[in-house]
């Protein structure tokens, strides 16, 4: 618990004037010896146990008081558990709340993490079959993708977080999952029917299977490809179609997406140099997500961009490589401050964006990483800028702006991937 006020002047005690966090029973005993009652700031408190300190005794809260203080799972704790792959699969599907038509972020992370693992396992199995020239069956892949699509419907940000938390540091697998999930999130945002959401999810996952047949020296080359190497690399589209054509679980719409996801509206794409609407909306979505997701992952020849930087690069291609309306809609989908973005608050604190607010896009849910003096928060806390609009001084919280990923020497991964 964070002790904010005492029933006696602070100067009469050895405690700091700005308050303090009770971290052990010795501190609690010291406090109880000096005070009969104290005021607790729940927004700065951490852990599971909230107790009332009165007349030198700690008494568990009962009834309604306890219910009001029952805490939801902590994002940091959940993120680390998900990253480590710890824990059993939750049996209960997360409830979608009427307040925001979303499931609770932390609950969805725990529930959908094993589903993401199933998709990853399916992709590895497919890749092994391709390399061993064994029969391919996409039925199981489709079933697993459908379960992830249901998670996207409940809480898209949670599933996007899982692409980060469950990354393998193997570009081909991470990129395939990125594209699949981002496609489903964007398709859902556009209001496409469930069948099409699942369709783009499967297509996005397997559209680059043909790259498994490219020489490693091309895939891992640290510099630009020669004209001959580029032509060979582009042939992966034909390879992908050949691999998945007529296989169980593969639909005609998926084949169209796979075959056209490198086409561009100005005719500069490949392999058919299609233009404009001849590409098809779903294939163009796949191309847009393929481009975006490639930018946010480290590759052999480039460092990853932040989500905001990658969106900025897409804006440069707006109306030229991709239809302006689709780029604009994707920016709306991701928000002004995409999840994982570092932002500076009006309080001076630095936070990472956890979840968008669908109505008030400038007031997302964040996790505080740095205090106003830019010191590292020992116990990062989550803050919903809608539910907690005021900072500790009573002033309204505002996001002053986005920060680069390395602002103040900060690496968010050190917090939630440790």
Protein backbone atom coordinates (compact mmCIF):
# COMPACT_ATOMS: atom_id res chain seq x y z
CA UNK A 1 0.00 0.00 0.00
CA UNK A 2 1.10 3.56 -0.68
CA UNK A 3 0.62 5.75 2.40
CA UNK A 4 -0.46 9.21 1.24
CA UNK A 5 -1.49 10.92 4.52
CA UNK A 6 -1.17 10.32 8.26
CA UNK A 7 -3.34 11.26 11.24
CA UNK A 8 -0.45 13.40 12.55
CA UNK A 9 2.00 15.89 10.99
CA UNK A 10 4.65 14.31 8.76
CA UNK A 11 7.38 16.32 10.54
CA UNK A 12 6.66 14.40 13.73
CA UNK A 13 7.56 11.13 12.01
CA UNK A 14 10.68 9.76 10.30
CA UNK A 15 8.72 9.14 7.09
CA UNK A 16 9.29 11.13 3.85
CA UNK A 17 6.97 14.09 3.28
CA UNK A 18 5.82 12.81 -0.11
CA UNK A 19 4.48 9.51 1.23
CA UNK A 20 5.89 6.00 0.91
CA UNK A 21 5.12 2.44 -0.09
CA UNK A 22 4.78 -0.20 2.63
CA UNK A 23 6.98 -3.08 1.51
CA UNK A 24 7.38 -5.26 4.62
CA UNK A 25 5.89 -6.01 8.02
CA UNK A 26 8.60 -4.03 9.81
CA UNK A 27 7.48 -0.82 8.08
CA UNK A 28 3.86 -1.67 8.87
CA UNK A 29 4.65 -2.20 12.56
CA UNK A 30 6.57 1.08 12.68
CA UNK A 31 3.63 2.88 11.11
CA UNK A 32 1.13 1.27 13.48
CA UNK A 33 3.19 2.37 16.48
CA UNK A 34 2.97 6.01 15.38
CA UNK A 35 -0.53 6.31 13.91
CA UNK A 36 -4.06 5.14 14.52
CA UNK A 37 -5.28 5.75 10.96
CA UNK A 38 -3.65 6.50 7.63
CA UNK A 39 -4.91 7.39 4.15
CA UNK A 40 -3.98 5.02 1.31
CA UNK A 41 -3.59 6.08 -2.34
CA UNK A 42 -4.82 3.06 -4.31
CA UNK A 43 -3.51 4.41 -7.62
CA UNK A 44 0.06 4.14 -6.32
CA UNK A 45 -0.40 0.88 -4.42
CA UNK A 46 0.75 -2.47 -5.76
CA UNK A 47 0.25 -6.15 -4.95
CA UNK A 48 -2.84 -8.13 -3.99
CA UNK A 49 -3.48 -7.31 -0.31
CA UNK A 50 -5.30 -4.13 0.65
CA UNK A 51 -5.84 -3.81 4.40
CA UNK A 52 -7.20 -1.16 6.72
CA UNK A 53 -4.70 0.01 9.35
CA UNK A 54 -6.47 1.15 12.50
CA UNK A 55 -5.50 1.32 16.20
CA UNK A 56 -2.21 -0.46 15.60
CA UNK A 57 -3.76 -3.52 13.94
CA UNK A 58 -4.04 -4.53 10.32
CA UNK A 59 -7.57 -5.77 9.55
CA UNK A 60 -8.57 -7.33 6.20
CA UNK A 61 -11.26 -5.36 4.40
CA UNK A 62 -14.59 -7.12 4.46
CA UNK A 63 -17.73 -7.19 2.33
CA UNK A 64 -18.32 -4.33 -0.09
CA UNK A 65 -15.10 -2.55 0.87
CA UNK A 66 -13.07 -5.60 -0.07
CA UNK A 67 -14.97 -6.02 -3.33
CA UNK A 68 -14.29 -2.42 -4.30
CA UNK A 69 -10.58 -2.93 -3.73
CA UNK A 70 -10.28 -6.31 -5.43
CA UNK A 71 -7.62 -5.77 -8.05
CA UNK A 72 -7.59 -7.01 -11.60
CA UNK A 73 -4.47 -8.85 -12.77
CA UNK A 74 -1.51 -6.51 -13.14
CA UNK A 75 -0.34 -5.95 -16.74
CA UNK A 76 3.34 -6.20 -15.89
CA UNK A 77 2.90 -9.46 -14.01
CA UNK A 78 0.70 -10.93 -16.76
CA UNK A 79 3.06 -9.82 -19.54
CA UNK A 80 5.99 -11.52 -17.86
CA UNK A 81 3.98 -14.69 -17.29
CA UNK A 82 2.93 -14.74 -20.94
CA UNK A 83 6.49 -14.12 -22.10
CA UNK A 84 7.74 -17.00 -19.94
CA UNK A 85 4.95 -19.30 -21.09
CA UNK A 86 3.98 -19.97 -17.47
CA UNK A 87 0.61 -21.07 -16.21
CA UNK A 88 -2.28 -23.25 -17.34
CA UNK A 89 -4.80 -22.34 -20.01
CA UNK A 90 -7.70 -20.39 -18.49
CA UNK A 91 -10.92 -22.36 -18.85
CA UNK A 92 -13.29 -19.40 -18.98
CA UNK A 93 -13.58 -17.19 -22.05
CA UNK A 94 -13.05 -13.52 -21.05
CA UNK A 95 -16.25 -11.56 -20.65
CA UNK A 96 -16.82 -8.62 -22.99
CA UNK A 97 -17.76 -5.58 -20.90
CA UNK A 98 -20.65 -3.39 -21.97
CA UNK A 99 -18.71 -0.25 -20.97
CA UNK A 100 -16.26 -0.45 -23.86
CA UNK A 101 -17.27 -3.67 -25.67
CA UNK A 102 -13.86 -5.10 -24.84
CA UNK A 103 -12.65 -7.91 -22.63
CA UNK A 104 -10.22 -6.94 -19.88
CA UNK A 105 -6.76 -6.58 -21.42
CA UNK A 106 -4.94 -8.71 -18.85
CA UNK A 107 -7.56 -11.48 -18.89
CA UNK A 108 -7.46 -11.65 -22.68
CA UNK A 109 -3.67 -11.84 -22.66
CA UNK A 110 -3.78 -14.90 -20.42
CA UNK A 111 -6.59 -16.56 -22.37
CA UNK A 112 -5.30 -15.94 -25.90
CA UNK A 113 -1.59 -16.57 -25.27
CA UNK A 114 -1.98 -20.38 -25.65
CA UNK A 115 -4.01 -19.80 -28.83
CA UNK A 116 -1.13 -17.81 -30.30
CA UNK A 117 1.21 -20.64 -29.33
CA UNK A 118 -1.06 -23.07 -31.21
CA UNK A 119 -0.87 -20.90 -34.32
CA UNK A 120 2.91 -20.74 -34.02
CA UNK A 121 3.07 -24.53 -33.67
CA UNK A 122 0.82 -24.93 -36.73
CA UNK A 123 3.08 -22.65 -38.77
CA UNK A 124 6.20 -24.56 -37.74
CA UNK A 125 4.50 -27.85 -38.67
CA UNK A 126 3.55 -26.45 -42.09
CA UNK A 127 7.08 -25.23 -42.71
CA UNK A 128 8.49 -28.64 -41.77
CA UNK A 129 6.07 -30.33 -44.19
CA UNK A 130 7.10 -27.99 -47.00
CA UNK A 131 10.81 -28.58 -46.41
CA UNK A 132 10.28 -32.34 -46.22
CA UNK A 133 7.98 -32.30 -49.26
CA UNK A 134 5.22 -33.96 -47.20
CA UNK A 135 1.42 -33.58 -47.71
CA UNK A 136 0.01 -30.28 -46.47
CA UNK A 137 -3.27 -29.85 -44.58
CA UNK A 138 -4.35 -26.34 -43.60
CA UNK A 139 -7.50 -27.42 -41.75
CA UNK A 140 -5.85 -27.31 -38.32
CA UNK A 141 -4.29 -23.92 -39.13
CA UNK A 142 -7.71 -22.53 -40.05
CA UNK A 143 -9.21 -23.78 -36.76
CA UNK A 144 -6.46 -22.18 -34.70
CA UNK A 145 -6.65 -18.89 -36.61
CA UNK A 146 -10.43 -18.82 -36.05
CA UNK A 147 -9.86 -18.99 -32.29
CA UNK A 148 -7.40 -16.09 -32.47
CA UNK A 149 -9.91 -14.15 -34.60
CA UNK A 150 -12.42 -14.54 -31.76
CA UNK A 151 -9.83 -13.01 -29.41
CA UNK A 152 -9.39 -10.13 -31.85
CA UNK A 153 -13.13 -9.51 -31.67
CA UNK A 154 -12.99 -9.39 -27.86
CA UNK A 155 -9.85 -7.27 -27.50
CA UNK A 156 -7.68 -6.48 -30.55
CA UNK A 157 -4.98 -4.71 -28.53
CA UNK A 158 -4.45 -7.80 -26.37
CA UNK A 159 -3.79 -9.96 -29.43
CA UNK A 160 -1.47 -7.30 -30.89
CA UNK A 161 0.46 -7.32 -27.61
CA UNK A 162 0.82 -11.08 -27.90
CA UNK A 163 2.70 -10.73 -31.20
CA UNK A 164 5.31 -8.83 -29.17
CA UNK A 165 5.27 -10.96 -26.05
CA UNK A 166 5.42 -14.27 -27.93
CA UNK A 167 8.08 -13.23 -30.45
CA UNK A 168 10.69 -15.87 -31.23
CA UNK A 169 13.47 -13.72 -32.72
CA UNK A 170 13.08 -15.77 -35.92
CA UNK A 171 12.00 -13.24 -38.53
CA UNK A 172 10.05 -15.55 -40.84
CA UNK A 173 7.83 -16.90 -38.05
CA UNK A 174 7.41 -13.57 -36.26
CA UNK A 175 6.60 -11.76 -39.50
CA UNK A 176 3.99 -14.34 -40.51
CA UNK A 177 2.24 -14.03 -37.14
CA UNK A 178 2.48 -10.21 -37.27
CA UNK A 179 0.85 -10.09 -40.70
CA UNK A 180 -1.88 -12.57 -39.77
CA UNK A 181 -2.86 -10.77 -36.56
CA UNK A 182 -2.63 -7.24 -37.99
CA UNK A 183 -4.76 -8.32 -40.95
CA UNK A 184 -7.45 -9.69 -38.65
CA UNK A 185 -7.37 -6.60 -36.45
CA UNK A 186 -7.66 -4.27 -39.45
CA UNK A 187 -10.34 -6.38 -41.17
CA UNK A 188 -12.36 -6.38 -37.95
CA UNK A 189 -11.94 -2.61 -37.66
CA UNK A 190 -13.29 -2.21 -41.21
CA UNK A 191 -16.38 -4.20 -40.24
CA UNK A 192 -15.71 -7.17 -42.50
CA UNK A 193 -17.67 -10.36 -41.69
CA UNK A 194 -16.10 -13.02 -39.48
CA UNK A 195 -15.52 -15.35 -42.43
CA UNK A 196 -13.37 -12.74 -44.19
CA UNK A 197 -11.50 -11.90 -40.98
CA UNK A 198 -10.54 -15.56 -40.63
CA UNK A 199 -9.76 -15.80 -44.35
CA UNK A 200 -7.21 -12.97 -44.28
CA UNK A 201 -5.77 -14.40 -41.04
CA UNK A 202 -4.97 -17.73 -42.68
CA UNK A 203 -3.72 -16.13 -45.90
CA UNK A 204 -1.46 -13.73 -44.02
CA UNK A 205 0.05 -16.60 -42.08
CA UNK A 206 1.02 -18.67 -45.13
CA UNK A 207 1.51 -16.09 -47.90
CA UNK A 208 5.31 -16.28 -47.59
CA UNK A 209 5.67 -20.07 -47.31
CA UNK A 210 7.41 -19.99 -50.69
CA UNK A 211 10.37 -18.22 -49.09
CA UNK A 212 11.31 -21.50 -47.42
CA UNK A 213 12.61 -22.58 -50.83
CA UNK A 214 14.86 -19.56 -51.33
CA UNK A 215 18.63 -19.85 -50.75
CA UNK A 216 19.69 -18.72 -47.27
CA UNK A 217 22.24 -16.33 -48.73
CA UNK A 218 19.37 -14.37 -50.30
CA UNK A 219 17.13 -14.40 -47.20
CA UNK A 220 19.93 -13.35 -44.87
CA UNK A 221 21.86 -11.00 -47.15
CA UNK A 222 22.73 -7.85 -45.16
CA UNK A 223 22.75 -5.54 -48.19
CA UNK A 224 20.72 -4.85 -51.34
CA UNK A 225 19.97 -7.78 -53.65
CA UNK A 226 21.31 -7.89 -57.17
CA UNK A 227 18.82 -7.79 -60.04
CA UNK A 228 19.12 -11.56 -60.45
CA UNK A 229 18.70 -12.19 -56.70
CA UNK A 230 15.70 -9.86 -56.59
CA UNK A 231 14.01 -11.73 -59.41
CA UNK A 232 14.65 -15.01 -57.62
CA UNK A 233 13.29 -13.61 -54.35
CA UNK A 234 10.12 -12.38 -56.03
CA UNK A 235 9.46 -15.87 -57.31
CA UNK A 236 8.45 -16.82 -53.74
CA UNK A 237 4.89 -15.74 -54.60
CA UNK A 238 4.63 -18.41 -57.29
CA UNK A 239 6.21 -20.93 -54.91
CA UNK A 240 3.70 -20.08 -52.19
CA UNK A 241 0.76 -20.60 -54.57
CA UNK A 242 2.17 -23.90 -55.77
CA UNK A 243 2.66 -25.11 -52.19
CA UNK A 244 -0.86 -24.36 -50.92
CA UNK A 245 -2.99 -24.80 -54.06
CA UNK A 246 -5.66 -27.52 -53.80
CA UNK A 247 -4.69 -28.30 -50.20
CA UNK A 248 -7.37 -29.06 -47.55
CA UNK A 249 -8.43 -25.87 -45.78
CA UNK A 250 -7.32 -23.51 -48.57
CA UNK A 251 -10.09 -21.35 -50.09
CA UNK A 252 -10.02 -19.58 -53.50
CA UNK A 253 -10.14 -16.18 -51.76
CA UNK A 254 -6.98 -17.09 -49.83
CA UNK A 255 -5.17 -18.01 -53.03
CA UNK A 256 -6.05 -14.62 -54.52
CA UNK A 257 -4.64 -12.83 -51.46
CA UNK A 258 -1.44 -14.88 -51.53
CA UNK A 259 -0.92 -14.36 -55.24
CA UNK A 260 -1.52 -10.60 -55.19
CA UNK A 261 -0.18 -9.30 -51.85
CA UNK A 262 2.87 -7.79 -53.58
CA UNK A 263 0.85 -5.96 -56.24
CA UNK A 264 0.60 -2.17 -55.94
CA UNK A 265 -2.07 0.22 -57.23
CA UNK A 266 0.43 2.07 -59.45
CA UNK A 267 1.36 -1.15 -61.28
CA UNK A 268 4.85 -1.34 -59.74
CA UNK A 269 4.18 -4.58 -57.89
CA UNK A 270 4.62 -8.22 -58.89
CA UNK A 271 4.15 -10.83 -60.26
CA UNK A 272 1.33 -9.57 -62.55
CA UNK A 273 1.82 -5.77 -62.28
CA UNK A 274 -1.89 -5.31 -61.59
CA UNK A 275 -3.24 -1.78 -61.08
CA UNK A 276 -5.89 -0.17 -58.90
CA UNK A 277 -9.03 -2.13 -58.10
CA UNK A 278 -7.86 -5.10 -60.18
CA UNK A 279 -5.78 -6.13 -57.16
CA UNK A 280 -8.80 -6.66 -54.89
CA UNK A 281 -9.42 -5.16 -51.45
CA UNK A 282 -8.33 -8.16 -49.37
CA UNK A 283 -5.09 -8.60 -51.33
CA UNK A 284 -4.35 -4.89 -50.99
CA UNK A 285 -4.94 -5.14 -47.24
CA UNK A 286 -2.49 -8.04 -47.13
CA UNK A 287 0.11 -5.98 -49.02
CA UNK A 288 -0.36 -3.02 -46.69
CA UNK A 289 0.07 -5.21 -43.58
CA UNK A 290 3.01 -7.07 -45.09
CA UNK A 291 4.78 -3.75 -45.68
CA UNK A 292 3.96 -2.34 -42.24
CA UNK A 293 4.91 -5.51 -40.33
CA UNK A 294 8.22 -5.82 -42.20
CA UNK A 295 9.12 -2.32 -41.00
CA UNK A 296 8.52 -3.01 -37.29
CA UNK A 297 10.74 -6.11 -37.14
CA UNK A 298 14.53 -6.24 -37.28
CA UNK A 299 15.75 -7.65 -40.59
CA UNK A 300 19.18 -8.70 -41.84
CA UNK A 301 19.54 -5.38 -43.66
CA UNK A 302 17.62 -2.90 -41.47
CA UNK A 303 16.74 -1.98 -37.91
CA UNK A 304 13.09 -2.01 -36.81
CA UNK A 305 11.00 1.16 -36.87
CA UNK A 306 8.59 2.15 -34.13
CA UNK A 307 4.89 1.78 -34.93
CA UNK A 308 4.59 5.54 -35.41
CA UNK A 309 7.60 5.68 -37.72
CA UNK A 310 6.24 2.78 -39.78
CA UNK A 311 2.88 4.52 -40.12
CA UNK A 312 4.74 7.62 -41.26
CA UNK A 313 6.42 5.55 -43.98
CA UNK A 314 3.04 4.21 -45.09
CA UNK A 315 1.76 7.77 -45.35
CA UNK A 316 4.53 8.44 -47.89
CA UNK A 317 3.12 5.60 -50.00
CA UNK A 318 -0.46 6.86 -49.61
CA UNK A 319 -2.23 7.23 -52.96
CA UNK A 320 0.85 5.89 -54.75
CA UNK A 321 1.39 2.28 -53.65
CA UNK A 322 -1.79 1.87 -51.59
CA UNK A 323 -5.18 3.52 -51.79
CA UNK A 324 -5.33 6.63 -49.64
CA UNK A 325 -8.60 5.55 -48.03
CA UNK A 326 -7.08 2.26 -46.82
CA UNK A 327 -4.00 3.97 -45.38
CA UNK A 328 -6.21 6.53 -43.63
CA UNK A 329 -8.39 3.78 -42.16
CA UNK A 330 -5.33 1.90 -40.92
CA UNK A 331 -4.07 5.02 -39.15
CA UNK A 332 -7.49 5.28 -37.49
CA UNK A 333 -7.30 1.61 -36.54
CA UNK A 334 -3.89 1.88 -34.88
CA UNK A 335 -4.59 5.23 -33.24
CA UNK A 336 -2.47 8.35 -32.84
CA UNK A 337 -0.44 6.52 -30.20
CA UNK A 338 -0.28 2.81 -31.19
CA UNK A 339 0.15 0.22 -28.44
CA UNK A 340 3.75 0.00 -27.29
CA UNK A 341 4.37 3.69 -28.01
CA UNK A 342 6.27 5.70 -25.41
CA UNK A 343 4.54 8.94 -24.46
CA UNK A 344 5.26 11.81 -22.09
CA UNK A 345 2.41 12.95 -19.84
CA UNK A 346 1.67 16.46 -18.62
CA UNK A 347 2.70 15.31 -15.14
CA UNK A 348 6.24 14.74 -16.45
CA UNK A 349 5.84 10.97 -16.21
CA UNK A 350 6.76 8.70 -19.12
CA UNK A 351 4.46 5.82 -20.02
CA UNK A 352 3.96 3.07 -22.57
CA UNK A 353 0.54 2.84 -24.28
CA UNK A 354 -1.23 -0.41 -23.37
CA UNK A 355 -4.66 -0.04 -24.95
CA UNK A 356 -6.60 2.43 -27.07
CA UNK A 357 -9.78 4.17 -25.99
CA UNK A 358 -12.21 3.71 -28.86
CA UNK A 359 -14.08 6.95 -28.17
CA UNK A 360 -11.41 9.28 -26.79
CA UNK A 361 -8.28 8.39 -28.74
CA UNK A 362 -6.11 10.86 -26.79
CA UNK A 363 -6.85 9.14 -23.47
CA UNK A 364 -5.58 5.55 -23.74
CA UNK A 365 -4.68 3.10 -21.00
CA UNK A 366 -0.97 3.42 -20.16
CA UNK A 367 1.68 1.99 -17.84
CA UNK A 368 3.89 4.49 -16.03
CA UNK A 369 7.57 3.63 -16.48
CA UNK A 370 9.34 6.83 -15.37
CA UNK A 371 8.44 9.23 -12.55
CA UNK A 372 8.18 13.00 -13.14
CA UNK A 373 11.91 13.35 -12.37
CA UNK A 374 12.55 10.61 -15.00
CA UNK A 375 13.69 8.08 -12.41
CA UNK A 376 12.61 4.49 -13.08
CA UNK A 377 9.41 3.46 -11.33
CA UNK A 378 10.19 0.44 -9.15
CA UNK A 379 6.56 -0.66 -9.39
CA UNK A 380 5.17 0.46 -12.78
CA UNK A 381 1.43 1.02 -12.47
CA UNK A 382 -1.29 1.05 -15.08
CA UNK A 383 -3.43 4.11 -15.57
CA UNK A 384 -6.62 4.54 -17.58
CA UNK A 385 -6.69 8.22 -18.56
CA UNK A 386 -10.49 8.04 -18.84
CA UNK A 387 -11.07 6.59 -15.37
CA UNK A 388 -8.16 8.49 -13.78
CA UNK A 389 -8.19 11.88 -15.52
CA UNK A 390 -6.31 13.79 -12.77
CA UNK A 391 -2.69 13.49 -11.66
CA UNK A 392 -1.46 13.66 -8.04
CA UNK A 393 -1.63 17.48 -8.07
CA UNK A 394 -5.26 17.49 -9.22
CA UNK A 395 -4.38 18.67 -12.74
CA UNK A 396 -5.84 16.90 -15.80
CA UNK A 397 -3.63 14.23 -17.35
CA UNK A 398 -2.69 14.97 -20.97
CA UNK A 399 -0.34 13.28 -23.39
CA UNK A 400 2.19 15.89 -24.46
CA UNK A 401 3.50 13.78 -27.32
CA UNK A 402 5.15 10.59 -28.44
CA UNK A 403 8.75 9.75 -27.62
CA UNK A 404 11.33 7.68 -29.51
CA UNK A 405 11.75 4.12 -28.27
CA UNK A 406 15.05 4.92 -26.57
CA UNK A 407 13.90 8.13 -24.86
CA UNK A 408 15.73 8.76 -21.58
CA UNK A 409 17.65 5.55 -22.18
CA UNK A 410 14.44 3.60 -21.67
CA UNK A 411 13.73 0.19 -23.16
CA UNK A 412 10.13 -0.89 -22.43
CA UNK A 413 11.14 -4.50 -23.13
CA UNK A 414 13.19 -4.44 -19.92
CA UNK A 415 9.95 -4.03 -17.99
CA UNK A 416 7.53 -6.45 -19.62
CA UNK A 417 9.87 -8.99 -21.20
CA UNK A 418 12.15 -9.55 -18.23
